[in-house]
C-alpha atoms as a PDB file:
ATOM      1  CA  UNK A   1     -27.426 -10.123  41.656  1.00  0.00           C
ATOM      2  CA  UNK A   2     -27.311  -6.914  39.623  1.00  0.00           C
ATOM      3  CA  UNK A   3     -24.781  -5.649  41.586  1.00  0.00           C
ATOM      4  CA  UNK A   4     -22.293  -7.631  41.547  1.00  0.00           C
ATOM      5  CA  UNK A   5     -22.920  -8.282  37.535  1.00  0.00           C
ATOM      6  CA  UNK A   6     -22.222  -3.992  37.837  1.00  0.00           C
ATOM      7  CA  UNK A   7     -19.023  -4.419  39.802  1.00  0.00           C
ATOM      8  CA  UNK A   8     -18.047  -7.137  37.661  1.00  0.00           C
ATOM      9  CA  UNK A   9     -18.104  -4.937  34.447  1.00  0.00           C
ATOM     10  CA  UNK A  10     -16.343  -1.846  36.420  1.00  0.00           C
ATOM     11  CA  UNK A  11     -13.637  -4.075  37.282  1.00  0.00           C
ATOM     12  CA  UNK A  12     -12.882  -5.189  33.588  1.00  0.00           C
ATOM     13  CA  UNK A  13     -13.736  -2.046  32.327  1.00  0.00           C
ATOM     14  CA  UNK A  14     -10.931  -0.956  34.649  1.00  0.00           C
ATOM     15  CA  UNK A  15      -8.354  -3.694  33.610  1.00  0.00           C
ATOM     16  CA  UNK A  16      -8.686  -2.968  29.986  1.00  0.00           C
ATOM     17  CA  UNK A  17      -7.710   1.194  30.663  1.00  0.00           C
ATOM     18  CA  UNK A  18      -3.704   0.562  30.684  1.00  0.00           C
ATOM     19  CA  UNK A  19      -3.551  -2.139  27.685  1.00  0.00           C
ATOM     20  CA  UNK A  20      -5.725   0.981  25.876  1.00  0.00           C
ATOM     21  CA  UNK A  21      -3.296   3.638  26.362  1.00  0.00           C
ATOM     22  CA  UNK A  22      -0.864   1.040  26.399  1.00  0.00           C
ATOM     23  CA  UNK A  23      -1.733  -0.140  22.406  1.00  0.00           C
ATOM     24  CA  UNK A  24      -2.411   3.348  21.383  1.00  0.00           C
ATOM     25  CA  UNK A  25       0.858   4.085  22.274  1.00  0.00           C
ATOM     26  CA  UNK A  26       1.657   1.232  19.814  1.00  0.00           C
ATOM     27  CA  UNK A  27      -0.438   2.780  17.263  1.00  0.00           C
ATOM     28  CA  UNK A  28       0.628   5.999  17.135  1.00  0.00           C
ATOM     29  CA  UNK A  29       4.231   4.834  16.820  1.00  0.00           C
ATOM     30  CA  UNK A  30       3.904   3.089  14.017  1.00  0.00           C
ATOM     31  CA  UNK A  31       1.861   5.826  12.832  1.00  0.00           C
ATOM     32  CA  UNK A  32       5.357   7.925  13.188  1.00  0.00           C
ATOM     33  CA  UNK A  33       7.407   5.002  11.073  1.00  0.00           C
ATOM     34  CA  UNK A  34       5.469   4.792   8.041  1.00  0.00           C
ATOM     35  CA  UNK A  35       5.325   8.627   7.612  1.00  0.00           C
ATOM     36  CA  UNK A  36       8.744   9.039   8.101  1.00  0.00           C
ATOM     37  CA  UNK A  37       8.778   5.900   6.046  1.00  0.00           C
ATOM     38  CA  UNK A  38       6.207   7.562   3.125  1.00  0.00           C
ATOM     39  CA  UNK A  39       8.302  10.959   3.173  1.00  0.00           C
ATOM     40  CA  UNK A  40      11.642   8.428   2.421  1.00  0.00           C
ATOM     41  CA  UNK A  41       9.703   6.202  -0.407  1.00  0.00           C
ATOM     42  CA  UNK A  42       9.187   9.997  -2.228  1.00  0.00           C
ATOM     43  CA  UNK A  43      12.384  10.874  -2.017  1.00  0.00           C
ATOM     44  CA  UNK A  44      14.042   6.854  -2.739  1.00  0.00           C
ATOM     45  CA  UNK A  45      11.632   6.556  -5.163  1.00  0.00           C
ATOM     46  CA  UNK A  46       8.332   8.677  -6.381  1.00  0.00           C
ATOM     47  CA  UNK A  47      11.123  11.838  -6.954  1.00  0.00           C
ATOM     48  CA  UNK A  48      12.735   9.356  -9.734  1.00  0.00           C
ATOM     49  CA  UNK A  49      10.172   8.725 -11.497  1.00  0.00           C
ATOM     50  CA  UNK A  50      10.660  11.666 -14.891  1.00  0.00           C
ATOM     51  CA  UNK A  51       9.663   9.320 -17.564  1.00  0.00           C
ATOM     52  CA  UNK A  52       7.023  10.015 -20.208  1.00  0.00           C
ATOM     53  CA  UNK A  53       4.980   6.607 -19.976  1.00  0.00           C
ATOM     54  CA  UNK A  54       3.542   7.798 -23.463  1.00  0.00           C
ATOM     55  CA  UNK A  55       6.503   8.930 -24.735  1.00  0.00           C
ATOM     56  CA  UNK A  56       8.203   5.485 -23.412  1.00  0.00           C
ATOM     57  CA  UNK A  57       5.640   3.800 -25.551  1.00  0.00           C
ATOM     58  CA  UNK A  58       6.529   4.816 -28.916  1.00  0.00           C
ATOM     59  CA  UNK A  59       9.979   4.534 -28.091  1.00  0.00           C
ATOM     60  CA  UNK A  60       9.702   0.511 -27.443  1.00  0.00           C
ATOM     61  CA  UNK A  61       6.691   0.129 -30.817  1.00  0.00           C
ATOM     62  CA  UNK A  62       8.781  -1.213 -33.750  1.00  0.00           C
ATOM     63  CA  UNK A  63      11.708  -2.772 -31.253  1.00  0.00           C
ATOM     64  CA  UNK A  64      13.299  -5.625 -31.247  1.00  0.00           C
ATOM     65  CA  UNK A  65      13.404  -7.387 -27.450  1.00  0.00           C
ATOM     66  CA  UNK A  66      16.880  -6.552 -27.288  1.00  0.00           C
ATOM     67  CA  UNK A  67      16.320  -2.912 -28.044  1.00  0.00           C
ATOM     68  CA  UNK A  68      13.513  -3.447 -25.383  1.00  0.00           C
ATOM     69  CA  UNK A  69      15.659  -4.084 -23.706  1.00  0.00           C
ATOM     70  CA  UNK A  70      17.621  -0.984 -23.144  1.00  0.00           C
ATOM     71  CA  UNK A  71      14.870   1.290 -23.929  1.00  0.00           C
ATOM     72  CA  UNK A  72      13.290  -0.483 -20.615  1.00  0.00           C
ATOM     73  CA  UNK A  73      16.971  -0.387 -18.662  1.00  0.00           C
ATOM     74  CA  UNK A  74      17.779   3.374 -19.485  1.00  0.00           C
ATOM     75  CA  UNK A  75      13.893   4.552 -18.497  1.00  0.00           C
ATOM     76  CA  UNK A  76      13.071   6.342 -15.450  1.00  0.00           C
ATOM     77  CA  UNK A  77      10.856   4.143 -13.909  1.00  0.00           C
ATOM     78  CA  UNK A  78      11.034   2.296 -10.796  1.00  0.00           C
ATOM     79  CA  UNK A  79      13.590  -0.469 -10.302  1.00  0.00           C
ATOM     80  CA  UNK A  80      11.295  -2.999  -9.768  1.00  0.00           C
ATOM     81  CA  UNK A  81       8.745  -2.577 -12.864  1.00  0.00           C
ATOM     82  CA  UNK A  82      11.982  -2.267 -14.659  1.00  0.00           C
ATOM     83  CA  UNK A  83      12.694  -5.848 -13.050  1.00  0.00           C
ATOM     84  CA  UNK A  84       9.529  -6.896 -14.179  1.00  0.00           C
ATOM     85  CA  UNK A  85       9.245  -5.642 -17.828  1.00  0.00           C
ATOM     86  CA  UNK A  86      12.998  -6.775 -18.409  1.00  0.00           C
ATOM     87  CA  UNK A  87      12.508 -10.624 -17.110  1.00  0.00           C
ATOM     88  CA  UNK A  88       9.357 -10.390 -19.103  1.00  0.00           C
ATOM     89  CA  UNK A  89      11.108  -9.162 -22.452  1.00  0.00           C
ATOM     90  CA  UNK A  90      13.374 -12.288 -21.358  1.00  0.00           C
ATOM     91  CA  UNK A  91      10.614 -14.894 -21.997  1.00  0.00           C
ATOM     92  CA  UNK A  92      10.076 -13.970 -26.314  1.00  0.00           C
ATOM     93  CA  UNK A  93      10.518 -17.763 -26.949  1.00  0.00           C
ATOM     94  CA  UNK A  94       7.559 -18.654 -24.963  1.00  0.00           C
ATOM     95  CA  UNK A  95       4.116 -18.824 -26.703  1.00  0.00           C
ATOM     96  CA  UNK A  96       1.862 -15.798 -26.644  1.00  0.00           C
ATOM     97  CA  UNK A  97      -0.326 -17.575 -24.291  1.00  0.00           C
ATOM     98  CA  UNK A  98       2.195 -18.260 -21.661  1.00  0.00           C
ATOM     99  CA  UNK A  99       3.723 -14.977 -21.708  1.00  0.00           C
ATOM    100  CA  UNK A 100       0.188 -13.387 -21.485  1.00  0.00           C
ATOM    101  CA  UNK A 101       0.107 -15.595 -18.444  1.00  0.00           C
ATOM    102  CA  UNK A 102       3.264 -14.683 -16.810  1.00  0.00           C
ATOM    103  CA  UNK A 103       2.688 -10.934 -16.983  1.00  0.00           C
ATOM    104  CA  UNK A 104      -0.368 -11.170 -15.511  1.00  0.00           C
ATOM    105  CA  UNK A 105       1.154 -13.452 -12.911  1.00  0.00           C
ATOM    106  CA  UNK A 106       3.856 -10.224 -12.342  1.00  0.00           C
ATOM    107  CA  UNK A 107       1.003  -8.016 -12.056  1.00  0.00           C
ATOM    108  CA  UNK A 108      -0.281  -9.620  -9.624  1.00  0.00           C
ATOM    109  CA  UNK A 109       2.718  -9.862  -7.623  1.00  0.00           C
ATOM    110  CA  UNK A 110       3.400  -5.865  -7.826  1.00  0.00           C
ATOM    111  CA  UNK A 111      -0.568  -5.936  -6.570  1.00  0.00           C
ATOM    112  CA  UNK A 112       0.156  -7.997  -4.071  1.00  0.00           C
ATOM    113  CA  UNK A 113       2.800  -6.136  -2.717  1.00  0.00           C
ATOM    114  CA  UNK A 114       1.168  -3.247  -2.142  1.00  0.00           C
ATOM    115  CA  UNK A 115      -1.585  -4.310  -0.054  1.00  0.00           C
ATOM    116  CA  UNK A 116       0.307  -5.525   1.717  1.00  0.00           C
ATOM    117  CA  UNK A 117       2.148  -1.930   2.169  1.00  0.00           C
ATOM    118  CA  UNK A 118      -0.873  -0.363   2.368  1.00  0.00           C
ATOM    119  CA  UNK A 119      -2.705  -2.966   4.810  1.00  0.00           C
ATOM    120  CA  UNK A 120      -1.086  -1.665   7.325  1.00  0.00           C
ATOM    121  CA  UNK A 121      -1.712   2.141   8.030  1.00  0.00           C
ATOM    122  CA  UNK A 122      -5.445   0.571   6.191  1.00  0.00           C
ATOM    123  CA  UNK A 123      -5.981  -1.334   9.829  1.00  0.00           C
ATOM    124  CA  UNK A 124      -4.868   1.515  11.408  1.00  0.00           C
ATOM    125  CA  UNK A 125      -6.988   4.202  10.267  1.00  0.00           C
ATOM    126  CA  UNK A 126      -9.739   2.138  11.412  1.00  0.00           C
ATOM    127  CA  UNK A 127      -8.884   0.757  14.968  1.00  0.00           C
ATOM    128  CA  UNK A 128      -7.306   3.632  16.293  1.00  0.00           C
ATOM    129  CA  UNK A 129     -10.430   5.803  16.822  1.00  0.00           C
ATOM    130  CA  UNK A 130     -11.807   2.766  18.306  1.00  0.00           C
ATOM    131  CA  UNK A 131      -9.324   2.567  20.764  1.00  0.00           C
ATOM    132  CA  UNK A 132      -9.449   6.188  21.535  1.00  0.00           C
ATOM    133  CA  UNK A 133     -13.247   5.579  22.431  1.00  0.00           C
ATOM    134  CA  UNK A 134     -12.386   2.799  24.613  1.00  0.00           C
ATOM    135  CA  UNK A 135      -9.824   5.148  26.411  1.00  0.00           C
ATOM    136  CA  UNK A 136     -12.488   8.171  26.899  1.00  0.00           C
ATOM    137  CA  UNK A 137     -14.984   6.249  27.711  1.00  0.00           C
ATOM    138  CA  UNK A 138     -13.056   4.057  30.650  1.00  0.00           C
ATOM    139  CA  UNK A 139     -12.181   6.222  33.076  1.00  0.00           C
ATOM    140  CA  UNK A 140     -15.086   8.382  32.830  1.00  0.00           C
ATOM    141  CA  UNK A 141     -16.937   5.863  35.351  1.00  0.00           C
ATOM    142  CA  UNK A 142     -14.627   6.177  37.662  1.00  0.00           C
ATOM    143  CA  UNK A 143     -14.742  10.440  37.029  1.00  0.00           C
ATOM    144  CA  UNK A 144     -18.542   9.687  37.185  1.00  0.00           C
ATOM    145  CA  UNK A 145     -17.840   8.572  40.479  1.00  0.00           C
ATOM    146  CA  UNK A 146     -15.723  10.809  41.849  1.00  0.00           C
ATOM    147  CA  UNK A 147     -18.244  13.669  40.649  1.00  0.00           C
ATOM    148  CA  UNK A 148     -20.873  12.283  42.633  1.00  0.00           C
ATOM    149  CA  UNK A 149     -18.109  12.281  46.079  1.00  0.00           C
ATOM    150  CA  UNK A 150     -16.581  15.406  45.468  1.00  0.00           C
ATOM    151  CA  UNK A 151     -13.502  14.304  44.897  1.00  0.00           C
ATOM    152  CA  UNK A 152     -12.335  16.747  42.206  1.00  0.00           C
ATOM    153  CA  UNK A 153      -8.896  15.309  41.605  1.00  0.00           C
ATOM    154  CA  UNK A 154     -10.185  12.300  41.022  1.00  0.00           C
ATOM    155  CA  UNK A 155     -12.107  13.594  38.098  1.00  0.00           C
ATOM    156  CA  UNK A 156      -9.963  16.055  36.594  1.00  0.00           C
ATOM    157  CA  UNK A 157      -7.633  13.273  36.513  1.00  0.00           C
ATOM    158  CA  UNK A 158     -10.077  10.716  35.335  1.00  0.00           C
ATOM    159  CA  UNK A 159     -11.272  13.273  31.882  1.00  0.00           C
ATOM    160  CA  UNK A 160      -7.513  14.360  31.535  1.00  0.00           C
ATOM    161  CA  UNK A 161      -6.477  10.878  30.594  1.00  0.00           C
ATOM    162  CA  UNK A 162      -9.998  10.544  28.353  1.00  0.00           C
ATOM    163  CA  UNK A 163      -8.788  13.149  26.184  1.00  0.00           C
ATOM    164  CA  UNK A 164      -5.891  12.328  25.842  1.00  0.00           C
ATOM    165  CA  UNK A 165      -6.215   9.344  24.881  1.00  0.00           C
ATOM    166  CA  UNK A 166      -9.289  10.169  22.595  1.00  0.00           C
ATOM    167  CA  UNK A 167      -6.915  12.788  20.838  1.00  0.00           C
ATOM    168  CA  UNK A 168      -4.180   9.926  20.548  1.00  0.00           C
ATOM    169  CA  UNK A 169      -6.464   7.660  18.655  1.00  0.00           C
ATOM    170  CA  UNK A 170      -7.725  10.380  16.152  1.00  0.00           C
ATOM    171  CA  UNK A 171      -3.631  10.964  15.957  1.00  0.00           C
ATOM    172  CA  UNK A 172      -2.181   7.730  14.446  1.00  0.00           C
ATOM    173  CA  UNK A 173      -6.018   7.659  12.662  1.00  0.00           C
ATOM    174  CA  UNK A 174      -5.186  10.518  10.821  1.00  0.00           C
ATOM    175  CA  UNK A 175      -1.824  10.029   9.823  1.00  0.00           C
ATOM    176  CA  UNK A 176      -3.003   6.343   9.265  1.00  0.00           C
ATOM    177  CA  UNK A 177      -5.332   7.806   6.830  1.00  0.00           C
ATOM    178  CA  UNK A 178      -3.523  10.300   4.529  1.00  0.00           C
ATOM    179  CA  UNK A 179      -0.541   7.909   4.551  1.00  0.00           C
ATOM    180  CA  UNK A 180      -3.034   4.825   3.014  1.00  0.00           C
ATOM    181  CA  UNK A 181      -4.724   7.572   0.336  1.00  0.00           C
ATOM    182  CA  UNK A 182      -1.493   9.043  -0.714  1.00  0.00           C
ATOM    183  CA  UNK A 183       0.166   5.597  -1.319  1.00  0.00           C
ATOM    184  CA  UNK A 184      -2.636   4.162  -2.825  1.00  0.00           C
ATOM    185  CA  UNK A 185      -2.549   7.060  -5.358  1.00  0.00           C
ATOM    186  CA  UNK A 186       0.709   6.639  -5.976  1.00  0.00           C
ATOM    187  CA  UNK A 187       0.711   2.707  -6.498  1.00  0.00           C
ATOM    188  CA  UNK A 188      -2.609   3.115  -8.849  1.00  0.00           C
ATOM    189  CA  UNK A 189      -0.310   5.096 -10.435  1.00  0.00           C
ATOM    190  CA  UNK A 190       2.663   2.128 -10.754  1.00  0.00           C
ATOM    191  CA  UNK A 191       0.288  -0.393 -11.647  1.00  0.00           C
ATOM    192  CA  UNK A 192      -1.601   1.618 -14.626  1.00  0.00           C
ATOM    193  CA  UNK A 193       1.977   1.991 -16.079  1.00  0.00           C
ATOM    194  CA  UNK A 194       3.643  -1.459 -15.547  1.00  0.00           C
ATOM    195  CA  UNK A 195      -0.076  -3.005 -17.063  1.00  0.00           C
ATOM    196  CA  UNK A 196       0.543  -0.472 -19.851  1.00  0.00           C
ATOM    197  CA  UNK A 197       4.144  -1.127 -20.671  1.00  0.00           C
ATOM    198  CA  UNK A 198       3.272  -5.212 -20.692  1.00  0.00           C
ATOM    199  CA  UNK A 199       0.539  -4.833 -23.230  1.00  0.00           C
ATOM    200  CA  UNK A 200       2.622  -2.634 -25.707  1.00  0.00           C
ATOM    201  CA  UNK A 201       5.830  -5.159 -25.199  1.00  0.00           C
ATOM    202  CA  UNK A 202       3.722  -8.694 -25.223  1.00  0.00           C
ATOM    203  CA  UNK A 203       1.985  -6.225 -28.437  1.00  0.00           C
ATOM    204  CA  UNK A 204       5.032  -5.796 -30.178  1.00  0.00           C
ATOM    205  CA  UNK A 205       6.530  -9.304 -29.765  1.00  0.00           C
ATOM    206  CA  UNK A 206       3.967 -10.763 -31.316  1.00  0.00           C
ATOM    207  CA  UNK A 207       3.933  -8.659 -34.048  1.00  0.00           C
ATOM    208  CA  UNK A 208       7.696  -8.876 -34.134  1.00  0.00           C
ATOM    209  CA  UNK A 209       6.922 -13.326 -34.391  1.00  0.00           C
ATOM    210  CA  UNK A 210       4.427 -12.135 -37.200  1.00  0.00           C
ATOM    211  CA  UNK A 211       6.429 -10.568 -39.313  1.00  0.00           C
ATOM    212  CA  UNK A 212       9.351 -13.296 -38.786  1.00  0.00           C
ATOM    213  CA  UNK A 213       6.654 -15.929 -39.467  1.00  0.00           C
ATOM    214  CA  UNK A 214       5.882 -14.078 -42.847  1.00  0.00           C
ATOM    215  CA  UNK A 215       9.407 -13.361 -43.824  1.00  0.00           C
ATOM    216  CA  UNK A 216       9.885 -17.401 -43.596  1.00  0.00           C
ATOM    217  CA  UNK A 217       6.837 -18.087 -45.504  1.00  0.00           C
ATOM    218  CA  UNK A 218       8.248 -15.529 -47.970  1.00  0.00           C
ATOM    219  CA  UNK A 219      11.395 -17.083 -48.466  1.00  0.00           C
ATOM    220  CA  UNK A 220      10.169 -20.307 -48.628  1.00  0.00           C
ATOM    221  CA  UNK A 221       8.200 -19.363 -51.693  1.00  0.00           C
ATOM    222  CA  UNK A 222      10.232 -17.926 -53.623  1.00  0.00           C
ATOM    223  CA  UNK A 223      13.173 -20.945 -53.333  1.00  0.00           C
ATOM    224  CA  UNK A 224      10.045 -22.705 -54.671  1.00  0.00           C
END
C-alpha cells in the first residue's frame, strides 16, 4: 500500500515538471516585459514631471477658475493629473460637499489604476520563487534514484534542471520586486501631488464663492 502511494506521488510530481518549467518561462517573459515597460514609462511620463508642486500651489492661490484651468493646462504634470484637475475645476458650480465627493472619487480611480498596474509584478514577485523551488525539488527525486544506480548522466541532467529553474524563479521574482518598488514610489508621489492640488483647488473655489457671496450681500446692503 505504501509503495503504491509513493508511486502515485512520484508520478504526480514528475507530471508537474514540464508545467512548472513552462510557467517559469512565462513569468520570466512577463518580468522582462514589465522591466521594459517601466523604462518606457520613465521616459514618457516620469521624466517629464518638471513642475514644483509648492510653486504650482502658489500660482493657483487667489486665481479664478478660468485662470486655474490655464495654469493646470500649462503645468509640467502628468496628462492624467491634468485631466482630473481640469475636470474638477469645471465643476465649480457644484456644492462644496459634491465637489469634495467628486475629488475623492477621482483620487480613488487613480489609486485603483495604479494598484492594477503594480498588482501583476507583486504577484510574480511572490509566486516566481515558489515555482523556482518546485522546479528545483521535482527533478531531485529522479536524480537521487539515478545516483543510487550509478547513472551519473541522469543525475547531472536532473541537477542542471534544478539549478536552471531556481535561477529562473529568482530572476523573475527579483525583477518584479524591483519594478514594483520603483513604481510604488512613483505612484505615491503622483497621488500625493494630485491630492494636494485638488485640496488647493477646492479651497480656492470655496473661498472665491464666499467672497462673491460677501460682495453680493454688501451690494444689497448698500442698495437698502
